[in-house]
């Protein structure tokens, strides 16, 4: 799974079929987002999860991540092979989502200030 960001406008995209052709936005090549796996900020960004029956409950951070207008989790995704389940979040919401559990998946969370984070399930 590859995600790219435009360094000018902040647009984030997911690549479904990668090619050798550069991905362009605002007239410049977009940058590959490398997912962080260890904390470096006061806020917690690494997704944590709980599995109940056939459902996974994903929270962003062991300590709840802020969900303010200028600093929030924009989306959470569960990726397993060629299946991506993504939930968009907005300021004021709780940074928690529920979805069908996919064994062996990777969970991603995207913070508008601190970029991409992941956790292997």
PDB file of N, CA and C in Angstrom:
ATOM      1  N   UNK A   1       0.846  -1.171   0.000  1.00  0.00           N
ATOM      2  CA  UNK A   1       0.000   0.000   0.000  1.00  0.00           C
ATOM      3  C   UNK A   1       0.890   1.232   0.000  1.00  0.00           C
ATOM      4  N   UNK A   2       0.642   2.130  -0.933  1.00  0.00           N
ATOM      5  CA  UNK A   2       1.429   3.358  -1.002  1.00  0.00           C
ATOM      6  C   UNK A   2       0.491   4.559  -0.959  1.00  0.00           C
ATOM      7  N   UNK A   3       0.876   5.543  -0.148  1.00  0.00           N
ATOM      8  CA  UNK A   3       0.162   6.800  -0.063  1.00  0.00           C
ATOM      9  C   UNK A   3       1.131   7.907  -0.451  1.00  0.00           C
ATOM     10  N   UNK A   4       0.640   8.905  -1.177  1.00  0.00           N
ATOM     11  CA  UNK A   4       1.450  10.047  -1.581  1.00  0.00           C
ATOM     12  C   UNK A   4       0.778  11.331  -1.117  1.00  0.00           C
ATOM     13  N   UNK A   5       1.603  12.375  -0.878  1.00  0.00           N
ATOM     14  CA  UNK A   5       1.087  13.670  -0.462  1.00  0.00           C
ATOM     15  C   UNK A   5       1.648  14.762  -1.375  1.00  0.00           C
ATOM     16  N   UNK A   6       0.809  15.754  -1.656  1.00  0.00           N
ATOM     17  CA  UNK A   6       1.248  16.933  -2.385  1.00  0.00           C
ATOM     18  C   UNK A   6       1.844  17.898  -1.371  1.00  0.00           C
ATOM     19  N   UNK A   7       3.075  18.310  -1.602  1.00  0.00           N
ATOM     20  CA  UNK A   7       3.755  19.209  -0.663  1.00  0.00           C
ATOM     21  C   UNK A   7       3.248  20.650  -0.759  1.00  0.00           C
ATOM     22  N   UNK A   8       2.394  20.923  -1.741  1.00  0.00           N
ATOM     23  CA  UNK A   8       1.846  22.269  -1.902  1.00  0.00           C
ATOM     24  C   UNK A   8       0.447  22.375  -1.297  1.00  0.00           C
ATOM     25  N   UNK A   9      -0.485  21.522  -1.739  1.00  0.00           N
ATOM     26  CA  UNK A   9      -1.878  21.643  -1.286  1.00  0.00           C
ATOM     27  C   UNK A   9      -2.254  20.662  -0.178  1.00  0.00           C
ATOM     28  N   UNK A  10      -1.425  19.636   0.064  1.00  0.00           N
ATOM     29  CA  UNK A  10      -1.701  18.675   1.131  1.00  0.00           C
ATOM     30  C   UNK A  10      -2.586  17.513   0.733  1.00  0.00           C
ATOM     31  N   UNK A  11      -2.956  17.419  -0.543  1.00  0.00           N
ATOM     32  CA  UNK A  11      -3.783  16.297  -0.996  1.00  0.00           C
ATOM     33  C   UNK A  11      -3.052  14.983  -0.751  1.00  0.00           C
ATOM     34  N   UNK A  12      -3.771  13.977  -0.228  1.00  0.00           N
ATOM     35  CA  UNK A  12      -3.221  12.645   0.003  1.00  0.00           C
ATOM     36  C   UNK A  12      -3.959  11.683  -0.907  1.00  0.00           C
ATOM     37  N   UNK A  13      -3.207  10.825  -1.593  1.00  0.00           N
ATOM     38  CA  UNK A  13      -3.809   9.827  -2.472  1.00  0.00           C
ATOM     39  C   UNK A  13      -3.251   8.447  -2.149  1.00  0.00           C
ATOM     40  N   UNK A  14      -4.019   7.442  -2.514  1.00  0.00           N
ATOM     41  CA  UNK A  14      -3.600   6.051  -2.401  1.00  0.00           C
ATOM     42  C   UNK A  14      -3.333   5.544  -3.809  1.00  0.00           C
ATOM     43  N   UNK A  15      -2.229   4.863  -3.988  1.00  0.00           N
ATOM     44  CA  UNK A  15      -1.890   4.306  -5.300  1.00  0.00           C
ATOM     45  C   UNK A  15      -2.458   2.887  -5.379  1.00  0.00           C
ATOM     46  N   UNK A  16      -3.267   2.662  -6.399  1.00  0.00           N
ATOM     47  CA  UNK A  16      -3.848   1.337  -6.601  1.00  0.00           C
ATOM     48  C   UNK A  16      -3.004   0.537  -7.580  1.00  0.00           C
ATOM     49  N   UNK A  17      -2.575   1.175  -8.660  1.00  0.00           N
ATOM     50  CA  UNK A  17      -1.753   0.527  -9.676  1.00  0.00           C
ATOM     51  C   UNK A  17      -0.534   1.406  -9.915  1.00  0.00           C
ATOM     52  N   UNK A  18       0.593   1.047  -9.327  1.00  0.00           N
ATOM     53  CA  UNK A  18       1.795   1.876  -9.424  1.00  0.00           C
ATOM     54  C   UNK A  18       2.491   1.660 -10.765  1.00  0.00           C
ATOM     55  N   UNK A  19       3.008   2.743 -11.311  1.00  0.00           N
ATOM     56  CA  UNK A  19       3.774   2.699 -12.561  1.00  0.00           C
ATOM     57  C   UNK A  19       5.047   3.511 -12.355  1.00  0.00           C
ATOM     58  N   UNK A  20       5.844   3.589 -13.368  1.00  0.00           N
ATOM     59  CA  UNK A  20       7.090   4.360 -13.305  1.00  0.00           C
ATOM     60  C   UNK A  20       6.844   5.853 -13.532  1.00  0.00           C
ATOM     61  N   UNK A  21       5.621   6.221 -13.906  1.00  0.00           N
ATOM     62  CA  UNK A  21       5.286   7.615 -14.197  1.00  0.00           C
ATOM     63  C   UNK A  21       5.090   8.359 -12.871  1.00  0.00           C
ATOM     64  N   UNK A  22       5.742   9.520 -12.701  1.00  0.00           N
ATOM     65  CA  UNK A  22       5.578  10.280 -11.459  1.00  0.00           C
ATOM     66  C   UNK A  22       4.125  10.726 -11.260  1.00  0.00           C
ATOM     67  N   UNK A  23       3.694  10.757 -10.018  1.00  0.00           N
ATOM     68  CA  UNK A  23       2.369  11.249  -9.679  1.00  0.00           C
ATOM     69  C   UNK A  23       2.503  12.740  -9.399  1.00  0.00           C
ATOM     70  N   UNK A  24       1.782  13.547 -10.164  1.00  0.00           N
ATOM     71  CA  UNK A  24       1.930  15.001 -10.141  1.00  0.00           C
ATOM     72  C   UNK A  24       0.689  15.651  -9.532  1.00  0.00           C
ATOM     73  N   UNK A  25       0.900  16.684  -8.720  1.00  0.00           N
ATOM     74  CA  UNK A  25      -0.176  17.528  -8.200  1.00  0.00           C
ATOM     75  C   UNK A  25       0.396  18.939  -8.076  1.00  0.00           C
ATOM     76  N   UNK A  26      -0.389  19.936  -8.378  1.00  0.00           N
ATOM     77  CA  UNK A  26       0.042  21.345  -8.304  1.00  0.00           C
ATOM     78  C   UNK A  26       1.333  21.583  -9.086  1.00  0.00           C
ATOM     79  N   UNK A  27       1.541  20.789 -10.139  1.00  0.00           N
ATOM     80  CA  UNK A  27       2.694  20.971 -11.009  1.00  0.00           C
ATOM     81  C   UNK A  27       3.978  20.331 -10.519  1.00  0.00           C
ATOM     82  N   UNK A  28       3.941  19.623  -9.396  1.00  0.00           N
ATOM     83  CA  UNK A  28       5.149  18.976  -8.853  1.00  0.00           C
ATOM     84  C   UNK A  28       4.873  17.515  -8.511  1.00  0.00           C
ATOM     85  N   UNK A  29       5.950  16.723  -8.491  1.00  0.00           N
ATOM     86  CA  UNK A  29       5.822  15.323  -8.099  1.00  0.00           C
ATOM     87  C   UNK A  29       5.392  15.227  -6.640  1.00  0.00           C
ATOM     88  N   UNK A  30       4.456  14.311  -6.379  1.00  0.00           N
ATOM     89  CA  UNK A  30       4.003  14.088  -5.007  1.00  0.00           C
ATOM     90  C   UNK A  30       5.035  13.251  -4.262  1.00  0.00           C
ATOM     91  N   UNK A  31       5.049  13.373  -2.938  1.00  0.00           N
ATOM     92  CA  UNK A  31       6.017  12.656  -2.101  1.00  0.00           C
ATOM     93  C   UNK A  31       5.390  11.410  -1.489  1.00  0.00           C
ATOM     94  N   UNK A  32       6.146  10.332  -1.483  1.00  0.00           N
ATOM     95  CA  UNK A  32       5.709   9.092  -0.850  1.00  0.00           C
ATOM     96  C   UNK A  32       5.630   9.306   0.659  1.00  0.00           C
ATOM     97  N   UNK A  33       4.514   8.897   1.258  1.00  0.00           N
ATOM     98  CA  UNK A  33       4.377   8.962   2.717  1.00  0.00           C
ATOM     99  C   UNK A  33       4.922   7.672   3.311  1.00  0.00           C
ATOM    100  N   UNK A  34       5.855   7.785   4.206  1.00  0.00           N
ATOM    101  CA  UNK A  34       6.392   6.635   4.921  1.00  0.00           C
ATOM    102  C   UNK A  34       5.694   6.585   6.277  1.00  0.00           C
ATOM    103  N   UNK A  35       5.049   5.491   6.588  1.00  0.00           N
ATOM    104  CA  UNK A  35       4.293   5.374   7.836  1.00  0.00           C
ATOM    105  C   UNK A  35       5.227   5.260   9.030  1.00  0.00           C
ATOM    106  N   UNK A  36       4.946   6.056  10.044  1.00  0.00           N
ATOM    107  CA  UNK A  36       5.686   5.998  11.301  1.00  0.00           C
ATOM    108  C   UNK A  36       5.171   4.825  12.129  1.00  0.00           C
ATOM    109  N   UNK A  37       6.073   4.213  12.884  1.00  0.00           N
ATOM    110  CA  UNK A  37       5.677   3.084  13.733  1.00  0.00           C
ATOM    111  C   UNK A  37       6.090   3.272  15.185  1.00  0.00           C
ATOM    112  N   UNK A  38       6.789   4.395  15.485  1.00  0.00           N
ATOM    113  CA  UNK A  38       7.159   4.677  16.874  1.00  0.00           C
ATOM    114  C   UNK A  38       6.853   6.130  17.174  1.00  0.00           C
ATOM    115  N   UNK A  39       6.434   6.387  18.395  1.00  0.00           N
ATOM    116  CA  UNK A  39       5.994   7.720  18.802  1.00  0.00           C
ATOM    117  C   UNK A  39       7.170   8.673  18.965  1.00  0.00           C
ATOM    118  N   UNK A  40       6.932   9.924  18.572  1.00  0.00           N
ATOM    119  CA  UNK A  40       7.930  10.956  18.758  1.00  0.00           C
ATOM    120  C   UNK A  40       7.294  12.247  19.227  1.00  0.00           C
ATOM    121  N   UNK A  41       5.986  12.212  19.467  1.00  0.00           N
ATOM    122  CA  UNK A  41       5.262  13.413  19.880  1.00  0.00           C
ATOM    123  C   UNK A  41       4.519  13.137  21.188  1.00  0.00           C
ATOM    124  N   UNK A  42       4.077  14.197  21.835  1.00  0.00           N
ATOM    125  CA  UNK A  42       3.304  14.061  23.068  1.00  0.00           C
ATOM    126  C   UNK A  42       2.000  13.341  22.780  1.00  0.00           C
ATOM    127  N   UNK A  43       1.319  13.740  21.681  1.00  0.00           N
ATOM    128  CA  UNK A  43       0.092  13.059  21.310  1.00  0.00           C
ATOM    129  C   UNK A  43       0.442  11.645  20.858  1.00  0.00           C
ATOM    130  N   UNK A  44      -0.495  10.785  21.010  1.00  0.00           N
ATOM    131  CA  UNK A  44      -0.275   9.411  20.573  1.00  0.00           C
ATOM    132  C   UNK A  44      -0.945   9.206  19.228  1.00  0.00           C
ATOM    133  N   UNK A  45      -0.219   8.667  18.268  1.00  0.00           N
ATOM    134  CA  UNK A  45      -0.713   8.495  16.912  1.00  0.00           C
ATOM    135  C   UNK A  45      -0.839   7.040  16.481  1.00  0.00           C
ATOM    136  N   UNK A  46      -0.078   6.157  17.088  1.00  0.00           N
ATOM    137  CA  UNK A  46      -0.105   4.764  16.652  1.00  0.00           C
ATOM    138  C   UNK A  46      -1.464   4.159  16.997  1.00  0.00           C
ATOM    139  N   UNK A  47      -2.132   3.586  15.999  1.00  0.00           N
ATOM    140  CA  UNK A  47      -3.433   2.980  16.269  1.00  0.00           C
ATOM    141  C   UNK A  47      -3.318   1.830  17.277  1.00  0.00           C
ATOM    142  N   UNK A  48      -4.325   1.728  18.113  1.00  0.00           N
ATOM    143  CA  UNK A  48      -4.467   0.591  19.022  1.00  0.00           C
ATOM    144  C   UNK A  48      -5.802  -0.058  18.680  1.00  0.00           C
ATOM    145  N   UNK A  49      -5.919  -1.334  18.960  1.00  0.00           N
ATOM    146  CA  UNK A  49      -7.138  -2.020  18.540  1.00  0.00           C
ATOM    147  C   UNK A  49      -7.562  -3.082  19.539  1.00  0.00           C
ATOM    148  N   UNK A  50      -8.829  -3.459  19.405  1.00  0.00           N
ATOM    149  CA  UNK A  50      -9.417  -4.531  20.188  1.00  0.00           C
ATOM    150  C   UNK A  50     -10.286  -5.325  19.221  1.00  0.00           C
ATOM    151  N   UNK A  51     -10.192  -6.641  19.304  1.00  0.00           N
ATOM    152  CA  UNK A  51     -10.989  -7.497  18.432  1.00  0.00           C
ATOM    153  C   UNK A  51     -12.099  -8.118  19.266  1.00  0.00           C
ATOM    154  N   UNK A  52     -13.331  -7.928  18.816  1.00  0.00           N
ATOM    155  CA  UNK A  52     -14.509  -8.501  19.472  1.00  0.00           C
ATOM    156  C   UNK A  52     -15.329  -9.209  18.413  1.00  0.00           C
ATOM    157  N   UNK A  53     -15.457 -10.512  18.567  1.00  0.00           N
ATOM    158  CA  UNK A  53     -16.173 -11.327  17.592  1.00  0.00           C
ATOM    159  C   UNK A  53     -15.544 -11.126  16.218  1.00  0.00           C
ATOM    160  N   UNK A  54     -16.278 -10.628  15.251  1.00  0.00           N
ATOM    161  CA  UNK A  54     -15.747 -10.426  13.893  1.00  0.00           C
ATOM    162  C   UNK A  54     -15.518  -8.960  13.604  1.00  0.00           C
ATOM    163  N   UNK A  55     -15.391  -8.157  14.654  1.00  0.00           N
ATOM    164  CA  UNK A  55     -15.247  -6.714  14.498  1.00  0.00           C
ATOM    165  C   UNK A  55     -13.937  -6.251  15.135  1.00  0.00           C
ATOM    166  N   UNK A  56     -13.322  -5.238  14.522  1.00  0.00           N
ATOM    167  CA  UNK A  56     -12.135  -4.621  15.097  1.00  0.00           C
ATOM    168  C   UNK A  56     -12.502  -3.186  15.480  1.00  0.00           C
ATOM    169  N   UNK A  57     -12.151  -2.825  16.696  1.00  0.00           N
ATOM    170  CA  UNK A  57     -12.387  -1.473  17.182  1.00  0.00           C
ATOM    171  C   UNK A  57     -11.026  -0.802  17.234  1.00  0.00           C
ATOM    172  N   UNK A  58     -10.866   0.247  16.428  1.00  0.00           N
ATOM    173  CA  UNK A  58      -9.572   0.923  16.292  1.00  0.00           C
ATOM    174  C   UNK A  58      -9.668   2.298  16.930  1.00  0.00           C
ATOM    175  N   UNK A  59      -8.738   2.567  17.834  1.00  0.00           N
ATOM    176  CA  UNK A  59      -8.614   3.890  18.446  1.00  0.00           C
ATOM    177  C   UNK A  59      -7.264   4.440  18.049  1.00  0.00           C
ATOM    178  N   UNK A  60      -7.178   5.752  17.910  1.00  0.00           N
ATOM    179  CA  UNK A  60      -5.902   6.345  17.534  1.00  0.00           C
ATOM    180  C   UNK A  60      -5.204   6.838  18.786  1.00  0.00           C
ATOM    181  N   UNK A  61      -4.164   6.103  19.151  1.00  0.00           N
ATOM    182  CA  UNK A  61      -3.353   6.417  20.316  1.00  0.00           C
ATOM    183  C   UNK A  61      -3.836   5.739  21.572  1.00  0.00           C
ATOM    184  N   UNK A  62      -2.877   5.347  22.405  1.00  0.00           N
ATOM    185  CA  UNK A  62      -3.216   4.806  23.718  1.00  0.00           C
ATOM    186  C   UNK A  62      -3.867   5.908  24.556  1.00  0.00           C
ATOM    187  N   UNK A  63      -3.428   7.149  24.345  1.00  0.00           N
ATOM    188  CA  UNK A  63      -4.087   8.336  24.894  1.00  0.00           C
ATOM    189  C   UNK A  63      -4.804   8.966  23.709  1.00  0.00           C
ATOM    190  N   UNK A  64      -6.089   9.262  23.865  1.00  0.00           N
ATOM    191  CA  UNK A  64      -6.898   9.735  22.739  1.00  0.00           C
ATOM    192  C   UNK A  64      -6.282  10.934  22.023  1.00  0.00           C
ATOM    193  N   UNK A  65      -6.165  10.819  20.716  1.00  0.00           N
ATOM    194  CA  UNK A  65      -5.613  11.881  19.884  1.00  0.00           C
ATOM    195  C   UNK A  65      -6.560  13.070  19.842  1.00  0.00           C
ATOM    196  N   UNK A  66      -6.040  14.306  19.824  1.00  0.00           N
ATOM    197  CA  UNK A  66      -6.905  15.481  19.692  1.00  0.00           C
ATOM    198  C   UNK A  66      -7.692  15.445  18.381  1.00  0.00           C
ATOM    199  N   UNK A  67      -8.875  16.010  18.419  1.00  0.00           N
ATOM    200  CA  UNK A  67      -9.704  16.112  17.218  1.00  0.00           C
ATOM    201  C   UNK A  67     -10.199  17.548  17.096  1.00  0.00           C
ATOM    202  N   UNK A  68      -9.228  18.455  16.987  1.00  0.00           N
ATOM    203  CA  UNK A  68      -9.504  19.888  16.897  1.00  0.00           C
ATOM    204  C   UNK A  68      -9.449  20.327  15.438  1.00  0.00           C
ATOM    205  N   UNK A  69      -9.993  21.509  15.144  1.00  0.00           N
ATOM    206  CA  UNK A  69     -10.027  22.022  13.768  1.00  0.00           C
ATOM    207  C   UNK A  69      -8.651  22.024  13.102  1.00  0.00           C
ATOM    208  N   UNK A  70      -7.608  22.377  13.850  1.00  0.00           N
ATOM    209  CA  UNK A  70      -6.277  22.491  13.261  1.00  0.00           C
ATOM    210  C   UNK A  70      -5.380  21.276  13.496  1.00  0.00           C
ATOM    211  N   UNK A  71      -5.890  20.271  14.215  1.00  0.00           N
ATOM    212  CA  UNK A  71      -5.086  19.083  14.504  1.00  0.00           C
ATOM    213  C   UNK A  71      -6.021  17.909  14.778  1.00  0.00           C
ATOM    214  N   UNK A  72      -6.079  16.989  13.807  1.00  0.00           N
ATOM    215  CA  UNK A  72      -6.997  15.857  13.976  1.00  0.00           C
ATOM    216  C   UNK A  72      -6.597  14.682  13.085  1.00  0.00           C
ATOM    217  N   UNK A  73      -7.175  13.535  13.375  1.00  0.00           N
ATOM    218  CA  UNK A  73      -6.996  12.353  12.542  1.00  0.00           C
ATOM    219  C   UNK A  73      -7.996  12.453  11.399  1.00  0.00           C
ATOM    220  N   UNK A  74      -7.485  12.474  10.169  1.00  0.00           N
ATOM    221  CA  UNK A  74      -8.345  12.652   8.994  1.00  0.00           C
ATOM    222  C   UNK A  74      -9.012  11.356   8.558  1.00  0.00           C
ATOM    223  N   UNK A  75      -8.298  10.217   8.714  1.00  0.00           N
ATOM    224  CA  UNK A  75      -8.874   8.934   8.342  1.00  0.00           C
ATOM    225  C   UNK A  75      -8.119   7.784   8.998  1.00  0.00           C
ATOM    226  N   UNK A  76      -8.805   6.673   9.078  1.00  0.00           N
ATOM    227  CA  UNK A  76      -8.247   5.414   9.572  1.00  0.00           C
ATOM    228  C   UNK A  76      -8.561   4.370   8.515  1.00  0.00           C
ATOM    229  N   UNK A  77      -7.585   3.505   8.208  1.00  0.00           N
ATOM    230  CA  UNK A  77      -7.796   2.460   7.202  1.00  0.00           C
ATOM    231  C   UNK A  77      -7.258   1.135   7.713  1.00  0.00           C
ATOM    232  N   UNK A  78      -7.932   0.073   7.321  1.00  0.00           N
ATOM    233  CA  UNK A  78      -7.472  -1.293   7.566  1.00  0.00           C
ATOM    234  C   UNK A  78      -7.168  -1.882   6.185  1.00  0.00           C
ATOM    235  N   UNK A  79      -5.942  -2.380   5.999  1.00  0.00           N
ATOM    236  CA  UNK A  79      -5.509  -2.896   4.701  1.00  0.00           C
ATOM    237  C   UNK A  79      -5.106  -4.354   4.851  1.00  0.00           C
ATOM    238  N   UNK A  80      -5.704  -5.186   4.012  1.00  0.00           N
ATOM    239  CA  UNK A  80      -5.376  -6.610   3.974  1.00  0.00           C
ATOM    240  C   UNK A  80      -5.337  -7.022   2.508  1.00  0.00           C
ATOM    241  N   UNK A  81      -4.133  -7.288   2.000  1.00  0.00           N
ATOM    242  CA  UNK A  81      -3.994  -7.652   0.591  1.00  0.00           C
ATOM    243  C   UNK A  81      -4.500  -6.536  -0.305  1.00  0.00           C
ATOM    244  N   UNK A  82      -5.476  -6.860  -1.149  1.00  0.00           N
ATOM    245  CA  UNK A  82      -6.021  -5.850  -2.059  1.00  0.00           C
ATOM    246  C   UNK A  82      -7.316  -5.221  -1.531  1.00  0.00           C
ATOM    247  N   UNK A  83      -7.597  -5.430  -0.239  1.00  0.00           N
ATOM    248  CA  UNK A  83      -8.812  -4.877   0.352  1.00  0.00           C
ATOM    249  C   UNK A  83      -8.460  -3.735   1.301  1.00  0.00           C
ATOM    250  N   UNK A  84      -9.060  -2.584   1.053  1.00  0.00           N
ATOM    251  CA  UNK A  84      -8.857  -1.411   1.902  1.00  0.00           C
ATOM    252  C   UNK A  84     -10.213  -0.969   2.436  1.00  0.00           C
ATOM    253  N   UNK A  85     -10.308  -0.838   3.757  1.00  0.00           N
ATOM    254  CA  UNK A  85     -11.500  -0.292   4.389  1.00  0.00           C
ATOM    255  C   UNK A  85     -11.060   0.981   5.085  1.00  0.00           C
ATOM    256  N   UNK A  86     -11.638   2.113   4.658  1.00  0.00           N
ATOM    257  CA  UNK A  86     -11.203   3.406   5.189  1.00  0.00           C
ATOM    258  C   UNK A  86     -12.410   4.153   5.735  1.00  0.00           C
ATOM    259  N   UNK A  87     -12.208   4.839   6.875  1.00  0.00           N
ATOM    260  CA  UNK A  87     -13.242   5.670   7.472  1.00  0.00           C
ATOM    261  C   UNK A  87     -12.675   7.076   7.640  1.00  0.00           C
ATOM    262  N   UNK A  88     -13.368   8.061   7.079  1.00  0.00           N
ATOM    263  CA  UNK A  88     -12.969   9.458   7.210  1.00  0.00           C
ATOM    264  C   UNK A  88     -13.475   9.996   8.545  1.00  0.00           C
ATOM    265  N   UNK A  89     -12.630  10.789   9.200  1.00  0.00           N
ATOM    266  CA  UNK A  89     -12.994  11.406  10.480  1.00  0.00           C
ATOM    267  C   UNK A  89     -12.937  12.922  10.349  1.00  0.00           C
ATOM    268  N   UNK A  90     -13.601  13.607  11.287  1.00  0.00           N
ATOM    269  CA  UNK A  90     -13.682  15.063  11.245  1.00  0.00           C
ATOM    270  C   UNK A  90     -13.433  15.645  12.633  1.00  0.00           C
ATOM    271  N   UNK A  91     -13.002  16.914  12.705  1.00  0.00           N
ATOM    272  CA  UNK A  91     -12.821  17.558  14.011  1.00  0.00           C
ATOM    273  C   UNK A  91     -14.092  17.432  14.847  1.00  0.00           C
ATOM    274  N   UNK A  92     -13.892  17.216  16.139  1.00  0.00           N
ATOM    275  CA  UNK A  92     -15.010  17.069  17.062  1.00  0.00           C
ATOM    276  C   UNK A  92     -15.451  15.637  17.270  1.00  0.00           C
ATOM    277  N   UNK A  93     -15.081  14.738  16.362  1.00  0.00           N
ATOM    278  CA  UNK A  93     -15.429  13.328  16.523  1.00  0.00           C
ATOM    279  C   UNK A  93     -14.429  12.648  17.456  1.00  0.00           C
ATOM    280  N   UNK A  94     -14.801  11.499  17.961  1.00  0.00           N
ATOM    281  CA  UNK A  94     -13.881  10.659  18.723  1.00  0.00           C
ATOM    282  C   UNK A  94     -13.041   9.885  17.710  1.00  0.00           C
ATOM    283  N   UNK A  95     -11.715   9.822  17.900  1.00  0.00           N
ATOM    284  CA  UNK A  95     -10.862   9.108  16.932  1.00  0.00           C
ATOM    285  C   UNK A  95     -10.927   7.592  17.123  1.00  0.00           C
ATOM    286  N   UNK A  96     -12.094   7.044  16.851  1.00  0.00           N
ATOM    287  CA  UNK A  96     -12.348   5.613  17.027  1.00  0.00           C
ATOM    288  C   UNK A  96     -13.261   5.146  15.910  1.00  0.00           C
ATOM    289  N   UNK A  97     -12.953   3.984  15.336  1.00  0.00           N
ATOM    290  CA  UNK A  97     -13.790   3.406  14.291  1.00  0.00           C
ATOM    291  C   UNK A  97     -13.964   1.909  14.548  1.00  0.00           C
ATOM    292  N   UNK A  98     -15.065   1.386  14.011  1.00  0.00           N
ATOM    293  CA  UNK A  98     -15.333  -0.048  14.062  1.00  0.00           C
ATOM    294  C   UNK A  98     -15.507  -0.532  12.639  1.00  0.00           C
ATOM    295  N   UNK A  99     -14.948  -1.711  12.364  1.00  0.00           N
ATOM    296  CA  UNK A  99     -15.105  -2.303  11.036  1.00  0.00           C
ATOM    297  C   UNK A  99     -14.956  -3.804  11.136  1.00  0.00           C
ATOM    298  N   UNK A 100     -15.296  -4.487  10.058  1.00  0.00           N
ATOM    299  CA  UNK A 100     -15.132  -5.937  10.022  1.00  0.00           C
ATOM    300  C   UNK A 100     -13.651  -6.269  10.150  1.00  0.00           C
ATOM    301  N   UNK A 101     -13.324  -7.218  11.010  1.00  0.00           N
ATOM    302  CA  UNK A 101     -11.935  -7.606  11.251  1.00  0.00           C
ATOM    303  C   UNK A 101     -11.396  -8.451  10.106  1.00  0.00           C
ATOM    304  N   UNK A 102     -10.215  -8.069   9.616  1.00  0.00           N
ATOM    305  CA  UNK A 102      -9.487  -8.816   8.588  1.00  0.00           C
ATOM    306  C   UNK A 102      -8.192  -9.318   9.219  1.00  0.00           C
ATOM    307  N   UNK A 103      -8.118 -10.603   9.481  1.00  0.00           N
ATOM    308  CA  UNK A 103      -6.946 -11.180  10.154  1.00  0.00           C
ATOM    309  C   UNK A 103      -5.663 -10.867   9.387  1.00  0.00           C
ATOM    310  N   UNK A 104      -4.626 -10.423  10.117  1.00  0.00           N
ATOM    311  CA  UNK A 104      -3.334 -10.138   9.517  1.00  0.00           C
ATOM    312  C   UNK A 104      -3.264  -8.809   8.790  1.00  0.00           C
ATOM    313  N   UNK A 105      -4.205  -7.927   9.044  1.00  0.00           N
ATOM    314  CA  UNK A 105      -4.250  -6.633   8.356  1.00  0.00           C
ATOM    315  C   UNK A 105      -3.243  -5.651   8.951  1.00  0.00           C
ATOM    316  N   UNK A 106      -3.089  -4.531   8.273  1.00  0.00           N
ATOM    317  CA  UNK A 106      -2.313  -3.400   8.767  1.00  0.00           C
ATOM    318  C   UNK A 106      -3.287  -2.242   8.942  1.00  0.00           C
ATOM    319  N   UNK A 107      -3.150  -1.534  10.056  1.00  0.00           N
ATOM    320  CA  UNK A 107      -4.006  -0.386  10.327  1.00  0.00           C
ATOM    321  C   UNK A 107      -3.178   0.875  10.103  1.00  0.00           C
ATOM    322  N   UNK A 108      -3.764   1.843   9.401  1.00  0.00           N
ATOM    323  CA  UNK A 108      -3.140   3.136   9.162  1.00  0.00           C
ATOM    324  C   UNK A 108      -4.015   4.234   9.762  1.00  0.00           C
ATOM    325  N   UNK A 109      -3.370   5.287  10.254  1.00  0.00           N
ATOM    326  CA  UNK A 109      -4.075   6.483  10.708  1.00  0.00           C
ATOM    327  C   UNK A 109      -3.314   7.680  10.148  1.00  0.00           C
ATOM    328  N   UNK A 110      -4.062   8.669   9.642  1.00  0.00           N
ATOM    329  CA  UNK A 110      -3.423   9.843   9.057  1.00  0.00           C
ATOM    330  C   UNK A 110      -3.785  11.087   9.855  1.00  0.00           C
ATOM    331  N   UNK A 111      -2.765  11.738  10.430  1.00  0.00           N
ATOM    332  CA  UNK A 111      -2.918  12.976  11.191  1.00  0.00           C
ATOM    333  C   UNK A 111      -2.583  14.145  10.271  1.00  0.00           C
ATOM    334  N   UNK A 112      -3.436  15.175  10.276  1.00  0.00           N
ATOM    335  CA  UNK A 112      -3.199  16.307   9.382  1.00  0.00           C
ATOM    336  C   UNK A 112      -1.924  17.073   9.724  1.00  0.00           C
ATOM    337  N   UNK A 113      -1.395  16.915  10.940  1.00  0.00           N
ATOM    338  CA  UNK A 113      -0.152  17.606  11.320  1.00  0.00           C
ATOM    339  C   UNK A 113       1.066  16.692  11.360  1.00  0.00           C
ATOM    340  N   UNK A 114       0.864  15.430  11.699  1.00  0.00           N
ATOM    341  CA  UNK A 114       1.998  14.537  11.949  1.00  0.00           C
ATOM    342  C   UNK A 114       2.064  13.334  11.023  1.00  0.00           C
ATOM    343  N   UNK A 115       1.312  13.387   9.923  1.00  0.00           N
ATOM    344  CA  UNK A 115       1.421  12.432   8.828  1.00  0.00           C
ATOM    345  C   UNK A 115       0.846  11.046   9.132  1.00  0.00           C
ATOM    346  N   UNK A 116       1.469  10.041   8.518  1.00  0.00           N
ATOM    347  CA  UNK A 116       0.938   8.676   8.469  1.00  0.00           C
ATOM    348  C   UNK A 116       1.555   7.792   9.549  1.00  0.00           C
ATOM    349  N   UNK A 117       0.694   6.960  10.174  1.00  0.00           N
ATOM    350  CA  UNK A 117       1.100   6.046  11.232  1.00  0.00           C
ATOM    351  C   UNK A 117       0.501   4.680  10.945  1.00  0.00           C
ATOM    352  N   UNK A 118       1.186   3.626  11.387  1.00  0.00           N
ATOM    353  CA  UNK A 118       0.631   2.288  11.150  1.00  0.00           C
ATOM    354  C   UNK A 118       0.903   1.337  12.293  1.00  0.00           C
ATOM    355  N   UNK A 119       0.089   0.286  12.306  1.00  0.00           N
ATOM    356  CA  UNK A 119       0.223  -0.785  13.298  1.00  0.00           C
ATOM    357  C   UNK A 119      -0.185  -2.086  12.613  1.00  0.00           C
ATOM    358  N   UNK A 120       0.637  -3.099  12.750  1.00  0.00           N
ATOM    359  CA  UNK A 120       0.302  -4.429  12.231  1.00  0.00           C
ATOM    360  C   UNK A 120      -0.654  -5.101  13.221  1.00  0.00           C
ATOM    361  N   UNK A 121      -1.687  -5.747  12.692  1.00  0.00           N
ATOM    362  CA  UNK A 121      -2.640  -6.444  13.569  1.00  0.00           C
ATOM    363  C   UNK A 121      -2.108  -7.834  13.838  1.00  0.00           C
TER     364      UNK A 121
END
